[in-house]
């Protein structure tokens, strides 16, 4: 079995060549990475033909989490922060994204 550093270098080379961000084909990238993993005797557990998950892990229990109300200190801090942001946005020129000035009065 080749050393792990050789695996990493070859994997980076395959990704540089076949990655979709540089004009490569996603299926070709998966195919080449799978070939490289087989060559090095590694398993990734990734099936390129399988549907993609949303990335959210399933919750352990089906019961909803109890809602926790913020303390009065947190509520005051939140109100103060919103007021500060609103004051800054009101002073921004119209050309700046996020400005609250939509037209001349």
N, C-alpha and C. Protein backbone atom coordinates (compact mmCIF):
# COMPACT_ATOMS: atom_id res chain seq x y z
N UNK A 1 0.85 -1.18 0.00
CA UNK A 1 0.00 0.00 0.00
C UNK A 1 0.90 1.24 0.00
N UNK A 2 0.67 2.20 -0.91
CA UNK A 2 1.48 3.42 -0.96
C UNK A 2 1.27 4.27 0.30
N UNK A 3 2.22 5.13 0.60
CA UNK A 3 2.10 5.96 1.80
C UNK A 3 0.91 6.93 1.71
N UNK A 4 0.35 7.32 2.85
CA UNK A 4 -0.82 8.20 2.85
C UNK A 4 -0.56 9.55 2.17
N UNK A 5 0.66 10.06 2.25
CA UNK A 5 0.93 11.35 1.62
C UNK A 5 0.80 11.24 0.10
N UNK A 6 1.14 10.07 -0.46
CA UNK A 6 0.99 9.85 -1.89
C UNK A 6 -0.49 9.84 -2.27
N UNK A 7 -1.32 9.24 -1.41
CA UNK A 7 -2.75 9.21 -1.64
C UNK A 7 -3.30 10.64 -1.66
N UNK A 8 -2.92 11.44 -0.68
CA UNK A 8 -3.43 12.82 -0.59
C UNK A 8 -2.99 13.63 -1.81
N UNK A 9 -1.75 13.47 -2.23
CA UNK A 9 -1.25 14.23 -3.37
C UNK A 9 -2.00 13.83 -4.65
N UNK A 10 -2.20 12.54 -4.84
CA UNK A 10 -2.91 12.09 -6.04
C UNK A 10 -4.38 12.49 -6.01
N UNK A 11 -4.98 12.47 -4.81
CA UNK A 11 -6.38 12.88 -4.69
C UNK A 11 -6.52 14.36 -5.03
N UNK A 12 -5.62 15.20 -4.54
CA UNK A 12 -5.64 16.63 -4.88
C UNK A 12 -5.47 16.84 -6.38
N UNK A 13 -4.60 16.06 -6.99
CA UNK A 13 -4.38 16.19 -8.44
C UNK A 13 -5.65 15.83 -9.22
N UNK A 14 -6.33 14.77 -8.79
CA UNK A 14 -7.58 14.36 -9.45
C UNK A 14 -8.63 15.45 -9.28
N UNK A 15 -8.74 16.00 -8.09
CA UNK A 15 -9.73 17.04 -7.84
C UNK A 15 -9.42 18.28 -8.66
N UNK A 16 -8.14 18.66 -8.74
CA UNK A 16 -7.78 19.83 -9.56
C UNK A 16 -8.15 19.62 -11.02
N UNK A 17 -8.04 18.40 -11.50
CA UNK A 17 -8.31 18.14 -12.91
C UNK A 17 -9.80 18.00 -13.22
N UNK A 18 -10.56 17.35 -12.34
CA UNK A 18 -11.94 17.00 -12.68
C UNK A 18 -13.00 17.79 -11.92
N UNK A 19 -12.64 18.69 -11.03
CA UNK A 19 -13.64 19.39 -10.21
C UNK A 19 -14.53 20.27 -11.08
N UNK A 20 -15.85 20.29 -10.81
CA UNK A 20 -16.78 21.09 -11.61
C UNK A 20 -16.50 22.60 -11.57
N UNK A 21 -15.89 23.09 -10.51
CA UNK A 21 -15.58 24.52 -10.43
C UNK A 21 -14.52 24.95 -11.44
N UNK A 22 -13.75 24.00 -11.96
CA UNK A 22 -12.73 24.33 -12.96
C UNK A 22 -13.10 23.75 -14.32
N UNK A 23 -14.39 23.46 -14.50
CA UNK A 23 -14.85 23.01 -15.81
C UNK A 23 -14.90 21.51 -15.98
N UNK A 24 -14.71 20.76 -14.90
CA UNK A 24 -14.76 19.30 -15.00
C UNK A 24 -16.18 18.77 -14.89
N UNK A 25 -16.29 17.47 -15.04
CA UNK A 25 -17.58 16.79 -14.99
C UNK A 25 -17.73 16.14 -13.61
N UNK A 26 -18.85 16.38 -12.92
CA UNK A 26 -19.01 15.79 -11.58
C UNK A 26 -18.97 14.27 -11.58
N UNK A 27 -19.58 13.64 -12.59
CA UNK A 27 -19.55 12.18 -12.65
C UNK A 27 -18.13 11.66 -12.86
N UNK A 28 -17.36 12.36 -13.69
CA UNK A 28 -15.98 11.96 -13.91
C UNK A 28 -15.17 12.11 -12.63
N UNK A 29 -15.43 13.17 -11.87
CA UNK A 29 -14.73 13.37 -10.60
C UNK A 29 -15.03 12.22 -9.65
N UNK A 30 -16.32 11.86 -9.51
CA UNK A 30 -16.68 10.75 -8.62
C UNK A 30 -16.07 9.45 -9.10
N UNK A 31 -16.09 9.24 -10.42
CA UNK A 31 -15.54 8.01 -10.98
C UNK A 31 -14.04 7.90 -10.69
N UNK A 32 -13.31 8.99 -10.91
CA UNK A 32 -11.85 8.98 -10.70
C UNK A 32 -11.51 8.86 -9.21
N UNK A 33 -12.28 9.51 -8.36
CA UNK A 33 -12.02 9.39 -6.92
C UNK A 33 -12.31 7.97 -6.44
N UNK A 34 -13.36 7.35 -6.97
CA UNK A 34 -13.65 5.97 -6.61
C UNK A 34 -12.55 5.04 -7.09
N UNK A 35 -12.04 5.27 -8.30
CA UNK A 35 -10.93 4.46 -8.82
C UNK A 35 -9.70 4.61 -7.94
N UNK A 36 -9.42 5.84 -7.53
CA UNK A 36 -8.25 6.11 -6.68
C UNK A 36 -8.44 5.44 -5.31
N UNK A 37 -9.65 5.51 -4.76
CA UNK A 37 -9.91 4.86 -3.48
C UNK A 37 -9.75 3.35 -3.58
N UNK A 38 -10.22 2.75 -4.68
CA UNK A 38 -10.04 1.31 -4.86
C UNK A 38 -8.56 0.96 -4.98
N UNK A 39 -7.82 1.81 -5.69
CA UNK A 39 -6.39 1.56 -5.87
C UNK A 39 -5.65 1.59 -4.54
N UNK A 40 -6.06 2.47 -3.64
CA UNK A 40 -5.40 2.59 -2.35
C UNK A 40 -6.08 1.74 -1.27
N UNK A 41 -7.14 1.04 -1.64
CA UNK A 41 -7.81 0.17 -0.69
C UNK A 41 -8.63 0.93 0.34
N UNK A 42 -9.11 2.08 -0.01
CA UNK A 42 -9.92 2.88 0.90
C UNK A 42 -11.38 2.83 0.47
N UNK A 43 -12.26 2.98 1.44
CA UNK A 43 -13.69 3.06 1.13
C UNK A 43 -14.20 4.38 1.65
N UNK A 44 -14.97 5.07 0.83
CA UNK A 44 -15.50 6.37 1.23
C UNK A 44 -16.93 6.26 1.71
N UNK A 45 -17.65 5.24 1.27
CA UNK A 45 -19.05 5.12 1.64
C UNK A 45 -19.94 6.09 0.89
N UNK A 46 -19.41 6.71 -0.17
CA UNK A 46 -20.19 7.67 -0.95
C UNK A 46 -20.60 7.02 -2.26
N UNK A 47 -21.88 7.05 -2.54
CA UNK A 47 -22.41 6.52 -3.78
C UNK A 47 -22.79 7.70 -4.66
N UNK A 48 -22.06 7.95 -5.78
CA UNK A 48 -22.37 9.12 -6.60
C UNK A 48 -23.76 9.08 -7.20
N UNK A 49 -24.37 7.90 -7.31
CA UNK A 49 -25.70 7.81 -7.89
C UNK A 49 -26.81 8.01 -6.87
N UNK A 50 -26.45 8.03 -5.59
CA UNK A 50 -27.46 8.17 -4.55
C UNK A 50 -27.95 9.61 -4.48
N UNK A 51 -29.21 9.81 -4.10
CA UNK A 51 -29.70 11.18 -3.96
C UNK A 51 -28.98 11.89 -2.82
N UNK A 52 -28.79 13.19 -2.99
CA UNK A 52 -28.08 13.97 -1.97
C UNK A 52 -28.99 14.23 -0.79
N UNK A 53 -28.40 14.20 0.38
CA UNK A 53 -29.17 14.51 1.58
C UNK A 53 -29.16 16.01 1.80
N UNK A 54 -30.02 16.46 2.69
CA UNK A 54 -30.10 17.90 2.97
C UNK A 54 -28.97 18.33 3.90
N UNK A 55 -28.25 17.38 4.47
CA UNK A 55 -27.16 17.73 5.35
C UNK A 55 -27.57 17.77 6.82
N UNK A 56 -28.86 17.77 7.08
CA UNK A 56 -29.32 17.81 8.46
C UNK A 56 -29.33 16.39 9.02
N UNK A 57 -28.78 16.24 10.19
CA UNK A 57 -28.75 14.93 10.82
C UNK A 57 -30.14 14.63 11.40
N UNK A 58 -30.56 13.38 11.34
CA UNK A 58 -31.86 13.06 11.91
C UNK A 58 -31.82 13.24 13.43
N UNK A 59 -32.92 13.69 13.98
CA UNK A 59 -32.98 13.91 15.42
C UNK A 59 -33.17 12.59 16.13
N UNK A 60 -32.61 12.48 17.32
CA UNK A 60 -32.68 11.23 18.07
C UNK A 60 -34.09 10.98 18.57
N UNK A 61 -34.79 12.01 19.02
CA UNK A 61 -36.13 11.80 19.54
C UNK A 61 -37.15 12.51 18.66
N UNK A 62 -38.36 12.00 18.68
CA UNK A 62 -39.41 12.58 17.85
C UNK A 62 -40.08 13.76 18.56
N UNK A 63 -39.87 13.90 19.87
CA UNK A 63 -40.53 14.99 20.59
C UNK A 63 -39.84 16.31 20.30
N UNK A 64 -40.62 17.38 20.17
CA UNK A 64 -40.01 18.69 19.89
C UNK A 64 -39.25 19.21 21.12
N UNK A 65 -38.25 20.02 20.86
CA UNK A 65 -37.50 20.61 21.96
C UNK A 65 -38.34 21.65 22.67
N UNK A 66 -38.18 21.77 23.97
CA UNK A 66 -38.93 22.82 24.66
C UNK A 66 -38.40 24.19 24.26
N UNK A 67 -39.30 25.13 24.13
CA UNK A 67 -38.90 26.47 23.73
C UNK A 67 -38.39 27.22 24.96
N UNK A 68 -37.23 27.80 24.82
CA UNK A 68 -36.63 28.54 25.92
C UNK A 68 -36.77 30.02 25.64
N UNK A 69 -37.38 30.74 26.56
CA UNK A 69 -37.55 32.18 26.38
C UNK A 69 -36.29 32.89 26.79
N UNK A 70 -35.88 33.90 26.03
CA UNK A 70 -34.68 34.64 26.43
C UNK A 70 -34.93 35.44 27.71
N UNK A 71 -33.88 35.64 28.46
CA UNK A 71 -33.99 36.40 29.70
C UNK A 71 -34.22 37.87 29.37
N UNK A 72 -34.61 38.63 30.37
CA UNK A 72 -34.87 40.06 30.14
C UNK A 72 -33.60 40.78 29.70
N UNK A 73 -32.46 40.34 30.19
CA UNK A 73 -31.19 40.96 29.78
C UNK A 73 -30.94 40.73 28.29
N UNK A 74 -31.20 39.53 27.83
CA UNK A 74 -31.02 39.20 26.41
C UNK A 74 -31.99 40.01 25.57
N UNK A 75 -33.25 40.13 26.02
CA UNK A 75 -34.24 40.91 25.27
C UNK A 75 -33.82 42.37 25.17
N UNK A 76 -33.32 42.96 26.26
CA UNK A 76 -32.86 44.35 26.22
C UNK A 76 -31.68 44.51 25.28
N UNK A 77 -30.75 43.57 25.34
CA UNK A 77 -29.58 43.63 24.46
C UNK A 77 -30.00 43.51 23.00
N UNK A 78 -30.97 42.64 22.71
CA UNK A 78 -31.45 42.47 21.35
C UNK A 78 -32.12 43.75 20.84
N UNK A 79 -32.98 44.36 21.68
CA UNK A 79 -33.64 45.62 21.30
C UNK A 79 -32.62 46.71 21.05
N UNK A 80 -31.64 46.81 21.93
CA UNK A 80 -30.60 47.84 21.78
C UNK A 80 -29.82 47.63 20.49
N UNK A 81 -29.50 46.39 20.18
CA UNK A 81 -28.75 46.09 18.95
C UNK A 81 -29.57 46.43 17.72
N UNK A 82 -30.85 46.08 17.73
CA UNK A 82 -31.71 46.38 16.58
C UNK A 82 -31.82 47.88 16.38
N UNK A 83 -31.97 48.63 17.47
CA UNK A 83 -32.05 50.08 17.35
C UNK A 83 -30.77 50.67 16.78
N UNK A 84 -29.62 50.16 17.23
CA UNK A 84 -28.34 50.66 16.71
C UNK A 84 -28.21 50.37 15.23
N UNK A 85 -28.57 49.17 14.82
CA UNK A 85 -28.48 48.80 13.40
C UNK A 85 -29.43 49.67 12.58
N UNK A 86 -30.64 49.87 13.08
CA UNK A 86 -31.59 50.72 12.35
C UNK A 86 -31.06 52.15 12.22
N UNK A 87 -30.43 52.68 13.27
CA UNK A 87 -29.89 54.03 13.22
C UNK A 87 -28.77 54.14 12.19
N UNK A 88 -27.93 53.14 12.14
CA UNK A 88 -26.83 53.15 11.16
C UNK A 88 -27.39 53.03 9.75
N UNK A 89 -28.34 52.13 9.55
CA UNK A 89 -28.91 51.95 8.21
C UNK A 89 -29.64 53.20 7.74
N UNK A 90 -30.23 53.96 8.66
CA UNK A 90 -30.94 55.18 8.28
C UNK A 90 -29.98 56.26 7.81
N UNK A 91 -28.73 56.18 8.24
CA UNK A 91 -27.75 57.20 7.86
C UNK A 91 -26.93 56.81 6.62
N UNK A 92 -27.11 55.61 6.14
CA UNK A 92 -26.36 55.18 4.96
C UNK A 92 -26.89 55.87 3.72
N UNK A 93 -26.03 56.18 2.77
CA UNK A 93 -26.51 56.75 1.51
C UNK A 93 -27.36 55.72 0.76
N UNK A 94 -28.26 56.20 -0.08
CA UNK A 94 -29.13 55.30 -0.82
C UNK A 94 -28.37 54.29 -1.67
N UNK A 95 -27.20 54.64 -2.12
CA UNK A 95 -26.46 53.76 -3.03
C UNK A 95 -25.90 52.52 -2.32
N UNK A 96 -25.89 52.53 -1.00
CA UNK A 96 -25.32 51.41 -0.25
C UNK A 96 -26.40 50.36 -0.02
N UNK A 97 -26.12 49.09 -0.34
CA UNK A 97 -27.11 48.05 -0.07
C UNK A 97 -27.42 47.97 1.42
N UNK A 98 -28.67 47.88 1.77
CA UNK A 98 -29.07 47.81 3.16
C UNK A 98 -29.51 49.15 3.71
N UNK A 99 -29.42 50.20 2.91
CA UNK A 99 -29.85 51.51 3.37
C UNK A 99 -31.36 51.55 3.47
N UNK A 100 -31.86 52.36 4.39
CA UNK A 100 -33.30 52.45 4.57
C UNK A 100 -33.90 53.62 3.80
N UNK A 101 -33.12 54.32 3.04
CA UNK A 101 -33.63 55.45 2.27
C UNK A 101 -34.05 54.95 0.90
N UNK A 102 -35.33 54.93 0.67
CA UNK A 102 -35.83 54.40 -0.60
C UNK A 102 -36.15 55.51 -1.59
N UNK A 103 -36.46 56.72 -1.11
CA UNK A 103 -36.79 57.82 -2.01
C UNK A 103 -36.58 59.13 -1.27
N UNK A 104 -36.55 60.20 -2.02
CA UNK A 104 -36.41 61.54 -1.43
C UNK A 104 -37.75 61.99 -0.88
N UNK A 105 -37.74 62.62 0.27
CA UNK A 105 -38.98 63.13 0.86
C UNK A 105 -39.09 64.60 0.57
